[in-house]
Amino acid sequence: MSASSPHFDVAAYALGVLDDDEAEEFERHLDDCAPCRAELLETQDLPGMLDAFKDGSIPSERTIP
């Protein structure tokens, strides 16, 4: 987990980039941190949205000439 604050790990956790130990530590943090739980709920669809964008399922709003 980040040395400065576990609150910075919400996006990393949502994206699945934390290692197993970091993910377990962050999950313990979630038990006591309502702001992180709320932020995680807001970002839980992010990985799927990024995959869809990458696959072309969601068109970019701008086109690059």
N, C-alpha and C. Protein backbone atom coordinates (compact mmCIF):
# COMPACT_ATOMS: atom_id res chain seq x y z
N MET A 1 0.86 -1.17 0.00
CA MET A 1 0.00 0.00 0.00
C MET A 1 0.90 1.23 0.00
N SER A 2 0.37 2.32 -0.48
CA SER A 2 1.19 3.52 -0.56
C SER A 2 1.66 3.92 0.83
N ALA A 3 2.87 4.42 0.88
CA ALA A 3 3.46 4.79 2.16
C ALA A 3 2.78 6.00 2.78
N SER A 4 2.23 6.89 1.93
CA SER A 4 1.67 8.12 2.46
C SER A 4 0.28 7.94 3.07
N SER A 5 -0.58 7.21 2.42
CA SER A 5 -1.95 7.06 2.91
C SER A 5 -2.66 5.95 2.16
N PRO A 6 -3.41 5.12 2.87
CA PRO A 6 -4.16 4.06 2.18
C PRO A 6 -5.27 4.63 1.30
N HIS A 7 -5.64 5.89 1.53
CA HIS A 7 -6.71 6.49 0.77
C HIS A 7 -6.35 6.64 -0.71
N PHE A 8 -5.06 6.68 -1.01
CA PHE A 8 -4.62 6.78 -2.39
C PHE A 8 -4.72 5.45 -3.13
N ASP A 9 -5.00 4.37 -2.42
CA ASP A 9 -5.04 3.05 -3.04
C ASP A 9 -6.41 2.66 -3.57
N VAL A 10 -7.41 3.51 -3.46
CA VAL A 10 -8.75 3.16 -3.92
C VAL A 10 -8.74 2.84 -5.41
N ALA A 11 -8.19 3.71 -6.22
CA ALA A 11 -8.16 3.48 -7.67
C ALA A 11 -7.30 2.27 -8.00
N ALA A 12 -6.16 2.13 -7.34
CA ALA A 12 -5.29 0.99 -7.59
C ALA A 12 -6.01 -0.32 -7.25
N TYR A 13 -6.76 -0.30 -6.16
CA TYR A 13 -7.53 -1.49 -5.77
C TYR A 13 -8.61 -1.77 -6.80
N ALA A 14 -9.33 -0.74 -7.21
CA ALA A 14 -10.41 -0.91 -8.19
C ALA A 14 -9.87 -1.44 -9.51
N LEU A 15 -8.67 -1.01 -9.88
CA LEU A 15 -8.07 -1.46 -11.14
C LEU A 15 -7.36 -2.81 -11.01
N GLY A 16 -7.23 -3.30 -9.78
CA GLY A 16 -6.61 -4.61 -9.58
C GLY A 16 -5.10 -4.61 -9.71
N VAL A 17 -4.46 -3.47 -9.44
CA VAL A 17 -3.02 -3.40 -9.60
C VAL A 17 -2.24 -3.55 -8.29
N LEU A 18 -2.94 -3.69 -7.17
CA LEU A 18 -2.25 -3.94 -5.91
C LEU A 18 -1.83 -5.40 -5.86
N ASP A 19 -0.68 -5.67 -5.23
CA ASP A 19 -0.31 -7.07 -5.05
C ASP A 19 -1.20 -7.67 -3.95
N ASP A 20 -1.11 -8.96 -3.76
CA ASP A 20 -2.01 -9.64 -2.82
C ASP A 20 -1.95 -9.06 -1.41
N ASP A 21 -0.74 -8.81 -0.92
CA ASP A 21 -0.60 -8.26 0.43
C ASP A 21 -1.20 -6.86 0.53
N GLU A 22 -0.93 -6.03 -0.48
CA GLU A 22 -1.48 -4.67 -0.48
C GLU A 22 -3.00 -4.70 -0.56
N ALA A 23 -3.54 -5.60 -1.38
CA ALA A 23 -5.00 -5.70 -1.51
C ALA A 23 -5.63 -6.13 -0.18
N GLU A 24 -5.02 -7.10 0.48
CA GLU A 24 -5.55 -7.54 1.78
C GLU A 24 -5.49 -6.42 2.81
N GLU A 25 -4.38 -5.67 2.82
CA GLU A 25 -4.25 -4.55 3.75
C GLU A 25 -5.30 -3.48 3.44
N PHE A 26 -5.51 -3.20 2.17
CA PHE A 26 -6.51 -2.20 1.80
C PHE A 26 -7.91 -2.67 2.17
N GLU A 27 -8.20 -3.95 1.99
CA GLU A 27 -9.52 -4.48 2.37
C GLU A 27 -9.75 -4.32 3.86
N ARG A 28 -8.71 -4.51 4.67
CA ARG A 28 -8.86 -4.28 6.12
C ARG A 28 -9.13 -2.80 6.38
N HIS A 29 -8.46 -1.94 5.63
CA HIS A 29 -8.69 -0.50 5.76
C HIS A 29 -10.13 -0.15 5.43
N LEU A 30 -10.68 -0.79 4.40
CA LEU A 30 -12.06 -0.51 3.99
C LEU A 30 -13.07 -0.78 5.10
N ASP A 31 -12.76 -1.75 5.97
CA ASP A 31 -13.68 -2.08 7.07
C ASP A 31 -13.97 -0.87 7.95
N ASP A 32 -12.98 0.03 8.07
CA ASP A 32 -13.12 1.16 8.99
C ASP A 32 -13.17 2.52 8.30
N CYS A 33 -13.18 2.55 6.97
CA CYS A 33 -13.10 3.85 6.28
C CYS A 33 -14.28 4.03 5.31
N ALA A 34 -15.29 4.70 5.79
CA ALA A 34 -16.48 4.95 4.97
C ALA A 34 -16.16 5.78 3.72
N PRO A 35 -15.29 6.80 3.79
CA PRO A 35 -14.98 7.55 2.57
C PRO A 35 -14.36 6.68 1.47
N CYS A 36 -13.48 5.77 1.85
CA CYS A 36 -12.86 4.89 0.85
C CYS A 36 -13.89 3.90 0.29
N ARG A 37 -14.79 3.41 1.14
CA ARG A 37 -15.84 2.51 0.64
C ARG A 37 -16.72 3.25 -0.36
N ALA A 38 -17.07 4.49 -0.06
CA ALA A 38 -17.90 5.28 -0.97
C ALA A 38 -17.17 5.54 -2.28
N GLU A 39 -15.89 5.89 -2.20
CA GLU A 39 -15.11 6.14 -3.41
C GLU A 39 -14.98 4.87 -4.24
N LEU A 40 -14.80 3.74 -3.57
CA LEU A 40 -14.69 2.47 -4.29
C LEU A 40 -16.00 2.16 -5.02
N LEU A 41 -17.13 2.43 -4.40
CA LEU A 41 -18.42 2.22 -5.06
C LEU A 41 -18.54 3.09 -6.31
N GLU A 42 -18.00 4.30 -6.22
CA GLU A 42 -18.05 5.22 -7.37
C GLU A 42 -17.13 4.78 -8.51
N THR A 43 -16.07 4.07 -8.17
CA THR A 43 -15.07 3.70 -9.18
C THR A 43 -15.13 2.24 -9.59
N GLN A 44 -16.07 1.47 -9.06
CA GLN A 44 -16.08 0.03 -9.33
C GLN A 44 -16.31 -0.32 -10.80
N ASP A 45 -16.93 0.56 -11.56
CA ASP A 45 -17.16 0.30 -12.97
C ASP A 45 -16.01 0.75 -13.86
N LEU A 46 -15.03 1.42 -13.27
CA LEU A 46 -13.92 1.97 -14.05
C LEU A 46 -13.16 0.92 -14.86
N PRO A 47 -12.77 -0.23 -14.29
CA PRO A 47 -12.03 -1.20 -15.10
C PRO A 47 -12.79 -1.64 -16.35
N GLY A 48 -14.06 -1.92 -16.22
CA GLY A 48 -14.86 -2.34 -17.37
C GLY A 48 -15.00 -1.23 -18.40
N MET A 49 -15.15 0.01 -17.91
CA MET A 49 -15.26 1.14 -18.83
C MET A 49 -13.95 1.34 -19.58
N LEU A 50 -12.82 1.21 -18.91
CA LEU A 50 -11.53 1.34 -19.58
C LEU A 50 -11.33 0.24 -20.61
N ASP A 51 -11.72 -0.99 -20.27
CA ASP A 51 -11.62 -2.09 -21.23
C ASP A 51 -12.49 -1.83 -22.45
N ALA A 52 -13.71 -1.35 -22.23
CA ALA A 52 -14.61 -1.07 -23.34
C ALA A 52 -14.05 0.05 -24.22
N PHE A 53 -13.48 1.05 -23.61
CA PHE A 53 -12.89 2.14 -24.37
C PHE A 53 -11.71 1.62 -25.19
N LYS A 54 -10.88 0.81 -24.55
CA LYS A 54 -9.70 0.26 -25.23
C LYS A 54 -10.10 -0.63 -26.40
N ASP A 55 -11.17 -1.40 -26.24
CA ASP A 55 -11.64 -2.30 -27.29
C ASP A 55 -12.42 -1.59 -28.38
N GLY A 56 -12.72 -0.31 -28.20
CA GLY A 56 -13.46 0.44 -29.19
C GLY A 56 -14.96 0.37 -29.00
N SER A 57 -15.42 -0.26 -27.93
CA SER A 57 -16.86 -0.35 -27.66
C SER A 57 -17.45 1.01 -27.28
N ILE A 58 -16.62 1.86 -26.72
CA ILE A 58 -17.03 3.22 -26.36
C ILE A 58 -16.19 4.16 -27.22
N PRO A 59 -16.82 4.87 -28.14
CA PRO A 59 -16.02 5.77 -28.99
C PRO A 59 -15.47 6.95 -28.21
N SER A 60 -14.33 7.39 -28.61
CA SER A 60 -13.72 8.57 -28.01
C SER A 60 -14.55 9.79 -28.41
N GLU A 61 -14.61 10.79 -27.54
CA GLU A 61 -15.38 11.99 -27.87
C GLU A 61 -14.67 12.83 -28.90
N ARG A 62 -13.36 12.72 -28.98
CA ARG A 62 -12.61 13.46 -29.99
C ARG A 62 -11.89 12.47 -30.88
N THR A 63 -11.72 12.86 -32.08
CA THR A 63 -10.94 12.04 -33.00
C THR A 63 -9.61 12.73 -33.22
N ILE A 64 -8.59 11.95 -33.33
CA ILE A 64 -7.26 12.48 -33.56
C ILE A 64 -7.02 12.48 -35.07
N PRO A 65 -6.72 13.66 -35.62
CA PRO A 65 -6.52 13.75 -37.08
C PRO A 65 -5.31 12.98 -37.55
